[in-house]
Amino acid sequence: MARYGGEEFILVLPNTEKDGAFLIAERIMKKLKRKAIPHQKSTISKFVSISIGISTIIPNVKKSPKELISLADQALYLSKEQGRNRISYL
């Protein structure tokens, strides 16, 4: 896990398929929700929430790690566009 951009983080899960990534994302969301961290400046929620974008590929000559990151970023923005505090997959 590492910070990737201003308020974004990246979590690389080697040898993890879509279903496994969703399970981990759901666990992260549940744990954050249980913490109920106040988010006083938010117009969306009283508590800090998380929007998650997931993508999975097996890097090879035709599919680079950059493509994986780009797809995950697109999925993240899809989550944000659909109302935030959700998981999207591309």
PDB file of N, CA and C in Angstrom:
ATOM      1  N   MET A   1       0.857  -1.173   0.000  1.00  0.00           N
ATOM      2  CA  MET A   1       0.000   0.000   0.000  1.00  0.00           C
ATOM      3  C   MET A   1       0.896   1.227   0.000  1.00  0.00           C
ATOM      4  N   ALA A   2       0.494   2.235  -0.789  1.00  0.00           N
ATOM      5  CA  ALA A   2       1.260   3.467  -0.869  1.00  0.00           C
ATOM      6  C   ALA A   2       0.341   4.620  -1.252  1.00  0.00           C
ATOM      7  N   ARG A   3       0.740   5.824  -0.851  1.00  0.00           N
ATOM      8  CA  ARG A   3      -0.002   7.017  -1.277  1.00  0.00           C
ATOM      9  C   ARG A   3       0.252   7.188  -2.766  1.00  0.00           C
ATOM     10  N   TYR A   4      -0.808   7.483  -3.500  1.00  0.00           N
ATOM     11  CA  TYR A   4      -0.715   7.665  -4.945  1.00  0.00           C
ATOM     12  C   TYR A   4      -1.519   8.904  -5.282  1.00  0.00           C
ATOM     13  N   GLY A   5      -0.872  10.026  -5.342  1.00  0.00           N
ATOM     14  CA  GLY A   5      -1.591  11.274  -5.559  1.00  0.00           C
ATOM     15  C   GLY A   5      -1.966  11.903  -4.231  1.00  0.00           C
ATOM     16  N   GLY A   6      -2.764  12.956  -4.287  1.00  0.00           N
ATOM     17  CA  GLY A   6      -3.126  13.725  -3.102  1.00  0.00           C
ATOM     18  C   GLY A   6      -3.859  12.937  -2.035  1.00  0.00           C
ATOM     19  N   GLU A   7      -5.053  12.498  -2.334  1.00  0.00           N
ATOM     20  CA  GLU A   7      -5.877  11.776  -1.366  1.00  0.00           C
ATOM     21  C   GLU A   7      -6.096  10.334  -1.782  1.00  0.00           C
ATOM     22  N   GLU A   8      -5.281   9.841  -2.682  1.00  0.00           N
ATOM     23  CA  GLU A   8      -5.461   8.481  -3.200  1.00  0.00           C
ATOM     24  C   GLU A   8      -4.356   7.565  -2.708  1.00  0.00           C
ATOM     25  N   PHE A   9      -4.729   6.310  -2.564  1.00  0.00           N
ATOM     26  CA  PHE A   9      -3.785   5.265  -2.182  1.00  0.00           C
ATOM     27  C   PHE A   9      -3.908   4.137  -3.185  1.00  0.00           C
ATOM     28  N   ILE A  10      -2.856   3.374  -3.310  1.00  0.00           N
ATOM     29  CA  ILE A  10      -2.878   2.211  -4.196  1.00  0.00           C
ATOM     30  C   ILE A  10      -2.522   0.991  -3.357  1.00  0.00           C
ATOM     31  N   LEU A  11      -3.240  -0.072  -3.565  1.00  0.00           N
ATOM     32  CA  LEU A  11      -2.992  -1.330  -2.878  1.00  0.00           C
ATOM     33  C   LEU A  11      -2.798  -2.386  -3.954  1.00  0.00           C
ATOM     34  N   VAL A  12      -1.595  -2.922  -4.045  1.00  0.00           N
ATOM     35  CA  VAL A  12      -1.278  -3.924  -5.056  1.00  0.00           C
ATOM     36  C   VAL A  12      -1.424  -5.294  -4.411  1.00  0.00           C
ATOM     37  N   LEU A  13      -2.230  -6.130  -5.027  1.00  0.00           N
ATOM     38  CA  LEU A  13      -2.522  -7.462  -4.490  1.00  0.00           C
ATOM     39  C   LEU A  13      -2.070  -8.520  -5.499  1.00  0.00           C
ATOM     40  N   PRO A  14      -0.826  -8.958  -5.415  1.00  0.00           N
ATOM     41  CA  PRO A  14      -0.350  -9.968  -6.361  1.00  0.00           C
ATOM     42  C   PRO A  14      -1.170 -11.255  -6.262  1.00  0.00           C
ATOM     43  N   ASN A  15      -1.350 -11.907  -7.380  1.00  0.00           N
ATOM     44  CA  ASN A  15      -2.045 -13.189  -7.434  1.00  0.00           C
ATOM     45  C   ASN A  15      -3.452 -13.125  -6.835  1.00  0.00           C
ATOM     46  N   THR A  16      -4.137 -12.001  -7.056  1.00  0.00           N
ATOM     47  CA  THR A  16      -5.482 -11.823  -6.523  1.00  0.00           C
ATOM     48  C   THR A  16      -6.431 -11.528  -7.674  1.00  0.00           C
ATOM     49  N   GLU A  17      -7.462 -12.323  -7.792  1.00  0.00           N
ATOM     50  CA  GLU A  17      -8.462 -12.119  -8.835  1.00  0.00           C
ATOM     51  C   GLU A  17      -9.543 -11.162  -8.348  1.00  0.00           C
ATOM     52  N   LYS A  18     -10.474 -10.853  -9.231  1.00  0.00           N
ATOM     53  CA  LYS A  18     -11.538  -9.884  -8.963  1.00  0.00           C
ATOM     54  C   LYS A  18     -12.275 -10.164  -7.652  1.00  0.00           C
ATOM     55  N   ASP A  19     -12.709 -11.389  -7.443  1.00  0.00           N
ATOM     56  CA  ASP A  19     -13.484 -11.716  -6.234  1.00  0.00           C
ATOM     57  C   ASP A  19     -12.682 -11.483  -4.963  1.00  0.00           C
ATOM     58  N   GLY A  20     -11.415 -11.849  -4.986  1.00  0.00           N
ATOM     59  CA  GLY A  20     -10.552 -11.632  -3.826  1.00  0.00           C
ATOM     60  C   GLY A  20     -10.336 -10.155  -3.559  1.00  0.00           C
ATOM     61  N   ALA A  21     -10.159  -9.387  -4.623  1.00  0.00           N
ATOM     62  CA  ALA A  21      -9.982  -7.945  -4.472  1.00  0.00           C
ATOM     63  C   ALA A  21     -11.243  -7.310  -3.887  1.00  0.00           C
ATOM     64  N   PHE A  22     -12.419  -7.771  -4.332  1.00  0.00           N
ATOM     65  CA  PHE A  22     -13.676  -7.251  -3.787  1.00  0.00           C
ATOM     66  C   PHE A  22     -13.804  -7.572  -2.304  1.00  0.00           C
ATOM     67  N   LEU A  23     -13.444  -8.774  -1.910  1.00  0.00           N
ATOM     68  CA  LEU A  23     -13.517  -9.141  -0.486  1.00  0.00           C
ATOM     69  C   LEU A  23     -12.644  -8.230   0.364  1.00  0.00           C
ATOM     70  N   ILE A  24     -11.435  -7.984  -0.095  1.00  0.00           N
ATOM     71  CA  ILE A  24     -10.530  -7.108   0.649  1.00  0.00           C
ATOM     72  C   ILE A  24     -11.070  -5.686   0.690  1.00  0.00           C
ATOM     73  N   ALA A  25     -11.574  -5.191  -0.435  1.00  0.00           N
ATOM     74  CA  ALA A  25     -12.145  -3.841  -0.488  1.00  0.00           C
ATOM     75  C   ALA A  25     -13.336  -3.721   0.464  1.00  0.00           C
ATOM     76  N   GLU A  26     -14.184  -4.732   0.493  1.00  0.00           N
ATOM     77  CA  GLU A  26     -15.341  -4.704   1.401  1.00  0.00           C
ATOM     78  C   GLU A  26     -14.899  -4.687   2.857  1.00  0.00           C
ATOM     79  N   ARG A  27     -13.858  -5.450   3.205  1.00  0.00           N
ATOM     80  CA  ARG A  27     -13.334  -5.451   4.579  1.00  0.00           C
ATOM     81  C   ARG A  27     -12.818  -4.068   4.963  1.00  0.00           C
ATOM     82  N   ILE A  28     -12.092  -3.437   4.041  1.00  0.00           N
ATOM     83  CA  ILE A  28     -11.566  -2.095   4.304  1.00  0.00           C
ATOM     84  C   ILE A  28     -12.718  -1.124   4.550  1.00  0.00           C
ATOM     85  N   MET A  29     -13.749  -1.190   3.716  1.00  0.00           N
ATOM     86  CA  MET A  29     -14.900  -0.294   3.868  1.00  0.00           C
ATOM     87  C   MET A  29     -15.598  -0.515   5.209  1.00  0.00           C
ATOM     88  N   LYS A  30     -15.795  -1.771   5.591  1.00  0.00           N
ATOM     89  CA  LYS A  30     -16.474  -2.084   6.856  1.00  0.00           C
ATOM     90  C   LYS A  30     -15.673  -1.590   8.050  1.00  0.00           C
ATOM     91  N   LYS A  31     -14.359  -1.792   8.022  1.00  0.00           N
ATOM     92  CA  LYS A  31     -13.524  -1.345   9.138  1.00  0.00           C
ATOM     93  C   LYS A  31     -13.527   0.170   9.262  1.00  0.00           C
ATOM     94  N   LEU A  32     -13.470   0.872   8.137  1.00  0.00           N
ATOM     95  CA  LEU A  32     -13.511   2.325   8.177  1.00  0.00           C
ATOM     96  C   LEU A  32     -14.858   2.810   8.700  1.00  0.00           C
ATOM     97  N   LYS A  33     -15.935   2.175   8.264  1.00  0.00           N
ATOM     98  CA  LYS A  33     -17.273   2.567   8.720  1.00  0.00           C
ATOM     99  C   LYS A  33     -17.418   2.383  10.232  1.00  0.00           C
ATOM    100  N   ARG A  34     -16.879   1.278  10.756  1.00  0.00           N
ATOM    101  CA  ARG A  34     -16.956   1.016  12.202  1.00  0.00           C
ATOM    102  C   ARG A  34     -16.213   2.064  13.021  1.00  0.00           C
ATOM    103  N   LYS A  35     -15.156   2.628  12.453  1.00  0.00           N
ATOM    104  CA  LYS A  35     -14.382   3.653  13.162  1.00  0.00           C
ATOM    105  C   LYS A  35     -15.169   4.953  13.317  1.00  0.00           C
ATOM    106  N   ALA A  36     -16.110   5.208  12.418  1.00  0.00           N
ATOM    107  CA  ALA A  36     -16.968   6.399  12.481  1.00  0.00           C
ATOM    108  C   ALA A  36     -16.145   7.666  12.728  1.00  0.00           C
ATOM    109  N   ILE A  37     -15.182   7.907  11.849  1.00  0.00           N
ATOM    110  CA  ILE A  37     -14.321   9.088  11.969  1.00  0.00           C
ATOM    111  C   ILE A  37     -15.105  10.298  11.467  1.00  0.00           C
ATOM    112  N   PRO A  38     -15.301  11.307  12.307  1.00  0.00           N
ATOM    113  CA  PRO A  38     -16.071  12.483  11.892  1.00  0.00           C
ATOM    114  C   PRO A  38     -15.430  13.183  10.695  1.00  0.00           C
ATOM    115  N   HIS A  39     -16.291  13.645   9.785  1.00  0.00           N
ATOM    116  CA  HIS A  39     -15.837  14.387   8.601  1.00  0.00           C
ATOM    117  C   HIS A  39     -16.686  15.653   8.532  1.00  0.00           C
ATOM    118  N   GLN A  40     -16.325  16.616   9.350  1.00  0.00           N
ATOM    119  CA  GLN A  40     -17.150  17.807   9.554  1.00  0.00           C
ATOM    120  C   GLN A  40     -17.307  18.671   8.308  1.00  0.00           C
ATOM    121  N   LYS A  41     -16.318  18.674   7.416  1.00  0.00           N
ATOM    122  CA  LYS A  41     -16.390  19.547   6.242  1.00  0.00           C
ATOM    123  C   LYS A  41     -17.092  18.904   5.044  1.00  0.00           C
ATOM    124  N   SER A  42     -17.480  17.654   5.158  1.00  0.00           N
ATOM    125  CA  SER A  42     -18.097  16.954   4.036  1.00  0.00           C
ATOM    126  C   SER A  42     -19.567  17.318   3.874  1.00  0.00           C
ATOM    127  N   THR A  43     -19.965  17.480   2.636  1.00  0.00           N
ATOM    128  CA  THR A  43     -21.386  17.696   2.337  1.00  0.00           C
ATOM    129  C   THR A  43     -22.065  16.378   1.990  1.00  0.00           C
ATOM    130  N   ILE A  44     -21.294  15.291   1.954  1.00  0.00           N
ATOM    131  CA  ILE A  44     -21.811  13.991   1.547  1.00  0.00           C
ATOM    132  C   ILE A  44     -22.138  13.101   2.740  1.00  0.00           C
ATOM    133  N   SER A  45     -21.275  13.131   3.747  1.00  0.00           N
ATOM    134  CA  SER A  45     -21.452  12.234   4.888  1.00  0.00           C
ATOM    135  C   SER A  45     -20.863  12.869   6.148  1.00  0.00           C
ATOM    136  N   LYS A  46     -21.434  12.527   7.298  1.00  0.00           N
ATOM    137  CA  LYS A  46     -20.900  13.017   8.572  1.00  0.00           C
ATOM    138  C   LYS A  46     -19.592  12.318   8.931  1.00  0.00           C
ATOM    139  N   PHE A  47     -19.331  11.182   8.269  1.00  0.00           N
ATOM    140  CA  PHE A  47     -18.155  10.390   8.593  1.00  0.00           C
ATOM    141  C   PHE A  47     -17.279  10.173   7.361  1.00  0.00           C
ATOM    142  N   VAL A  48     -15.996   9.960   7.605  1.00  0.00           N
ATOM    143  CA  VAL A  48     -15.061   9.676   6.519  1.00  0.00           C
ATOM    144  C   VAL A  48     -15.516   8.398   5.821  1.00  0.00           C
ATOM    145  N   SER A  49     -15.529   8.436   4.499  1.00  0.00           N
ATOM    146  CA  SER A  49     -15.909   7.263   3.710  1.00  0.00           C
ATOM    147  C   SER A  49     -14.787   6.969   2.715  1.00  0.00           C
ATOM    148  N   ILE A  50     -14.976   5.913   1.948  1.00  0.00           N
ATOM    149  CA  ILE A  50     -13.950   5.525   0.981  1.00  0.00           C
ATOM    150  C   ILE A  50     -14.606   5.111  -0.327  1.00  0.00           C
ATOM    151  N   SER A  51     -14.044   5.581  -1.413  1.00  0.00           N
ATOM    152  CA  SER A  51     -14.453   5.151  -2.749  1.00  0.00           C
ATOM    153  C   SER A  51     -13.309   4.305  -3.286  1.00  0.00           C
ATOM    154  N   ILE A  52     -13.653   3.158  -3.871  1.00  0.00           N
ATOM    155  CA  ILE A  52     -12.619   2.210  -4.303  1.00  0.00           C
ATOM    156  C   ILE A  52     -12.811   1.847  -5.765  1.00  0.00           C
ATOM    157  N   GLY A  53     -11.698   1.832  -6.483  1.00  0.00           N
ATOM    158  CA  GLY A  53     -11.677   1.365  -7.860  1.00  0.00           C
ATOM    159  C   GLY A  53     -10.789   0.144  -7.958  1.00  0.00           C
ATOM    160  N   ILE A  54     -11.288  -0.898  -8.597  1.00  0.00           N
ATOM    161  CA  ILE A  54     -10.553  -2.162  -8.712  1.00  0.00           C
ATOM    162  C   ILE A  54     -10.348  -2.496 -10.188  1.00  0.00           C
ATOM    163  N   SER A  55      -9.166  -2.981 -10.486  1.00  0.00           N
ATOM    164  CA  SER A  55      -8.908  -3.572 -11.798  1.00  0.00           C
ATOM    165  C   SER A  55      -7.962  -4.742 -11.599  1.00  0.00           C
ATOM    166  N   THR A  56      -8.065  -5.707 -12.475  1.00  0.00           N
ATOM    167  CA  THR A  56      -7.183  -6.875 -12.406  1.00  0.00           C
ATOM    168  C   THR A  56      -6.702  -7.211 -13.815  1.00  0.00           C
ATOM    169  N   ILE A  57      -5.425  -7.447 -13.929  1.00  0.00           N
ATOM    170  CA  ILE A  57      -4.861  -7.951 -15.177  1.00  0.00           C
ATOM    171  C   ILE A  57      -3.629  -8.778 -14.842  1.00  0.00           C
ATOM    172  N   ILE A  58      -3.227  -9.574 -15.779  1.00  0.00           N
ATOM    173  CA  ILE A  58      -1.947 -10.260 -15.684  1.00  0.00           C
ATOM    174  C   ILE A  58      -1.015  -9.516 -16.625  1.00  0.00           C
ATOM    175  N   PRO A  59      -0.062  -8.744 -16.064  1.00  0.00           N
ATOM    176  CA  PRO A  59       0.830  -7.972 -16.945  1.00  0.00           C
ATOM    177  C   PRO A  59       1.597  -8.892 -17.897  1.00  0.00           C
ATOM    178  N   ASN A  60       1.704  -8.451 -19.134  1.00  0.00           N
ATOM    179  CA  ASN A  60       2.482  -9.153 -20.145  1.00  0.00           C
ATOM    180  C   ASN A  60       2.940  -8.130 -21.173  1.00  0.00           C
ATOM    181  N   VAL A  61       3.405  -8.579 -22.291  1.00  0.00           N
ATOM    182  CA  VAL A  61       3.910  -7.658 -23.310  1.00  0.00           C
ATOM    183  C   VAL A  61       2.823  -6.683 -23.767  1.00  0.00           C
ATOM    184  N   LYS A  62       1.572  -7.134 -23.839  1.00  0.00           N
ATOM    185  CA  LYS A  62       0.479  -6.295 -24.333  1.00  0.00           C
ATOM    186  C   LYS A  62      -0.236  -5.524 -23.219  1.00  0.00           C
ATOM    187  N   LYS A  63      -0.104  -5.958 -21.980  1.00  0.00           N
ATOM    188  CA  LYS A  63      -0.785  -5.306 -20.857  1.00  0.00           C
ATOM    189  C   LYS A  63       0.253  -4.929 -19.806  1.00  0.00           C
ATOM    190  N   SER A  64       0.466  -3.651 -19.660  1.00  0.00           N
ATOM    191  CA  SER A  64       1.500  -3.167 -18.750  1.00  0.00           C
ATOM    192  C   SER A  64       0.919  -2.833 -17.379  1.00  0.00           C
ATOM    193  N   PRO A  65       1.770  -2.704 -16.386  1.00  0.00           N
ATOM    194  CA  PRO A  65       1.306  -2.243 -15.076  1.00  0.00           C
ATOM    195  C   PRO A  65       0.647  -0.859 -15.158  1.00  0.00           C
ATOM    196  N   LYS A  66       1.108  -0.011 -16.080  1.00  0.00           N
ATOM    197  CA  LYS A  66       0.482   1.312 -16.246  1.00  0.00           C
ATOM    198  C   LYS A  66      -0.977   1.180 -16.648  1.00  0.00           C
ATOM    199  N   GLU A  67      -1.283   0.193 -17.477  1.00  0.00           N
ATOM    200  CA  GLU A  67      -2.672  -0.038 -17.880  1.00  0.00           C
ATOM    201  C   GLU A  67      -3.518  -0.447 -16.678  1.00  0.00           C
ATOM    202  N   LEU A  68      -2.965  -1.281 -15.822  1.00  0.00           N
ATOM    203  CA  LEU A  68      -3.657  -1.710 -14.607  1.00  0.00           C
ATOM    204  C   LEU A  68      -3.989  -0.504 -13.731  1.00  0.00           C
ATOM    205  N   ILE A  69      -3.024   0.371 -13.538  1.00  0.00           N
ATOM    206  CA  ILE A  69      -3.233   1.564 -12.712  1.00  0.00           C
ATOM    207  C   ILE A  69      -4.266   2.479 -13.354  1.00  0.00           C
ATOM    208  N   SER A  70      -4.199   2.652 -14.664  1.00  0.00           N
ATOM    209  CA  SER A  70      -5.158   3.491 -15.370  1.00  0.00           C
ATOM    210  C   SER A  70      -6.586   2.966 -15.217  1.00  0.00           C
ATOM    211  N   LEU A  71      -6.767   1.653 -15.352  1.00  0.00           N
ATOM    212  CA  LEU A  71      -8.098   1.060 -15.189  1.00  0.00           C
ATOM    213  C   LEU A  71      -8.610   1.225 -13.761  1.00  0.00           C
ATOM    214  N   ALA A  72      -7.737   1.030 -12.784  1.00  0.00           N
ATOM    215  CA  ALA A  72      -8.140   1.193 -11.381  1.00  0.00           C
ATOM    216  C   ALA A  72      -8.542   2.646 -11.124  1.00  0.00           C
ATOM    217  N   ASP A  73      -7.801   3.591 -11.686  1.00  0.00           N
ATOM    218  CA  ASP A  73      -8.112   5.006 -11.529  1.00  0.00           C
ATOM    219  C   ASP A  73      -9.466   5.336 -12.158  1.00  0.00           C
ATOM    220  N   GLN A  74      -9.736   4.780 -13.342  1.00  0.00           N
ATOM    221  CA  GLN A  74     -11.034   4.989 -13.992  1.00  0.00           C
ATOM    222  C   GLN A  74     -12.160   4.406 -13.142  1.00  0.00           C
ATOM    223  N   ALA A  75     -11.923   3.237 -12.561  1.00  0.00           N
ATOM    224  CA  ALA A  75     -12.928   2.608 -11.699  1.00  0.00           C
ATOM    225  C   ALA A  75     -13.162   3.453 -10.443  1.00  0.00           C
ATOM    226  N   LEU A  76     -12.092   4.032  -9.898  1.00  0.00           N
ATOM    227  CA  LEU A  76     -12.226   4.915  -8.741  1.00  0.00           C
ATOM    228  C   LEU A  76     -13.121   6.103  -9.068  1.00  0.00           C
ATOM    229  N   TYR A  77     -12.876   6.738 -10.207  1.00  0.00           N
ATOM    230  CA  TYR A  77     -13.689   7.889 -10.578  1.00  0.00           C
ATOM    231  C   TYR A  77     -15.126   7.485 -10.872  1.00  0.00           C
ATOM    232  N   LEU A  78     -15.347   6.281 -11.346  1.00  0.00           N
ATOM    233  CA  LEU A  78     -16.702   5.766 -11.528  1.00  0.00           C
ATOM    234  C   LEU A  78     -17.404   5.674 -10.168  1.00  0.00           C
ATOM    235  N   SER A  79     -16.696   5.167  -9.163  1.00  0.00           N
ATOM    236  CA  SER A  79     -17.261   5.094  -7.808  1.00  0.00           C
ATOM    237  C   SER A  79     -17.643   6.484  -7.308  1.00  0.00           C
ATOM    238  N   LYS A  80     -16.775   7.446  -7.551  1.00  0.00           N
ATOM    239  CA  LYS A  80     -17.058   8.813  -7.106  1.00  0.00           C
ATOM    240  C   LYS A  80     -18.256   9.394  -7.851  1.00  0.00           C
ATOM    241  N   GLU A  81     -18.336   9.160  -9.155  1.00  0.00           N
ATOM    242  CA  GLU A  81     -19.445   9.682  -9.953  1.00  0.00           C
ATOM    243  C   GLU A  81     -20.786   9.065  -9.560  1.00  0.00           C
ATOM    244  N   GLN A  82     -20.751   7.824  -9.101  1.00  0.00           N
ATOM    245  CA  GLN A  82     -21.983   7.120  -8.748  1.00  0.00           C
ATOM    246  C   GLN A  82     -22.419   7.373  -7.306  1.00  0.00           C
ATOM    247  N   GLY A  83     -21.769   8.313  -6.628  1.00  0.00           N
ATOM    248  CA  GLY A  83     -22.237   8.690  -5.302  1.00  0.00           C
ATOM    249  C   GLY A  83     -21.236   8.471  -4.186  1.00  0.00           C
ATOM    250  N   ARG A  84     -20.071   7.992  -4.483  1.00  0.00           N
ATOM    251  CA  ARG A  84     -19.011   7.774  -3.494  1.00  0.00           C
ATOM    252  C   ARG A  84     -19.351   6.643  -2.522  1.00  0.00           C
ATOM    253  N   ASN A  85     -18.372   6.325  -1.681  1.00  0.00           N
ATOM    254  CA  ASN A  85     -18.513   5.290  -0.662  1.00  0.00           C
ATOM    255  C   ASN A  85     -19.001   3.972  -1.273  1.00  0.00           C
ATOM    256  N   ARG A  86     -18.307   3.570  -2.343  1.00  0.00           N
ATOM    257  CA  ARG A  86     -18.663   2.329  -3.042  1.00  0.00           C
ATOM    258  C   ARG A  86     -17.454   1.759  -3.745  1.00  0.00           C
ATOM    259  N   ILE A  87     -17.622   0.565  -4.294  1.00  0.00           N
ATOM    260  CA  ILE A  87     -16.567  -0.142  -5.009  1.00  0.00           C
ATOM    261  C   ILE A  87     -16.994  -0.297  -6.461  1.00  0.00           C
ATOM    262  N   SER A  88     -16.086   0.025  -7.368  1.00  0.00           N
ATOM    263  CA  SER A  88     -16.337  -0.172  -8.801  1.00  0.00           C
ATOM    264  C   SER A  88     -15.200  -0.979  -9.406  1.00  0.00           C
ATOM    265  N   TYR A  89     -15.514  -1.716 -10.466  1.00  0.00           N
ATOM    266  CA  TYR A  89     -14.531  -2.576 -11.122  1.00  0.00           C
ATOM    267  C   TYR A  89     -14.522  -2.316 -12.627  1.00  0.00           C
ATOM    268  N   LEU A  90     -13.324  -2.204 -13.180  1.00  0.00           N
ATOM    269  CA  LEU A  90     -13.167  -2.131 -14.638  1.00  0.00           C
ATOM    270  C   LEU A  90     -12.112  -3.124 -15.049  1.00  0.00           C
TER     271      LEU A  90
END
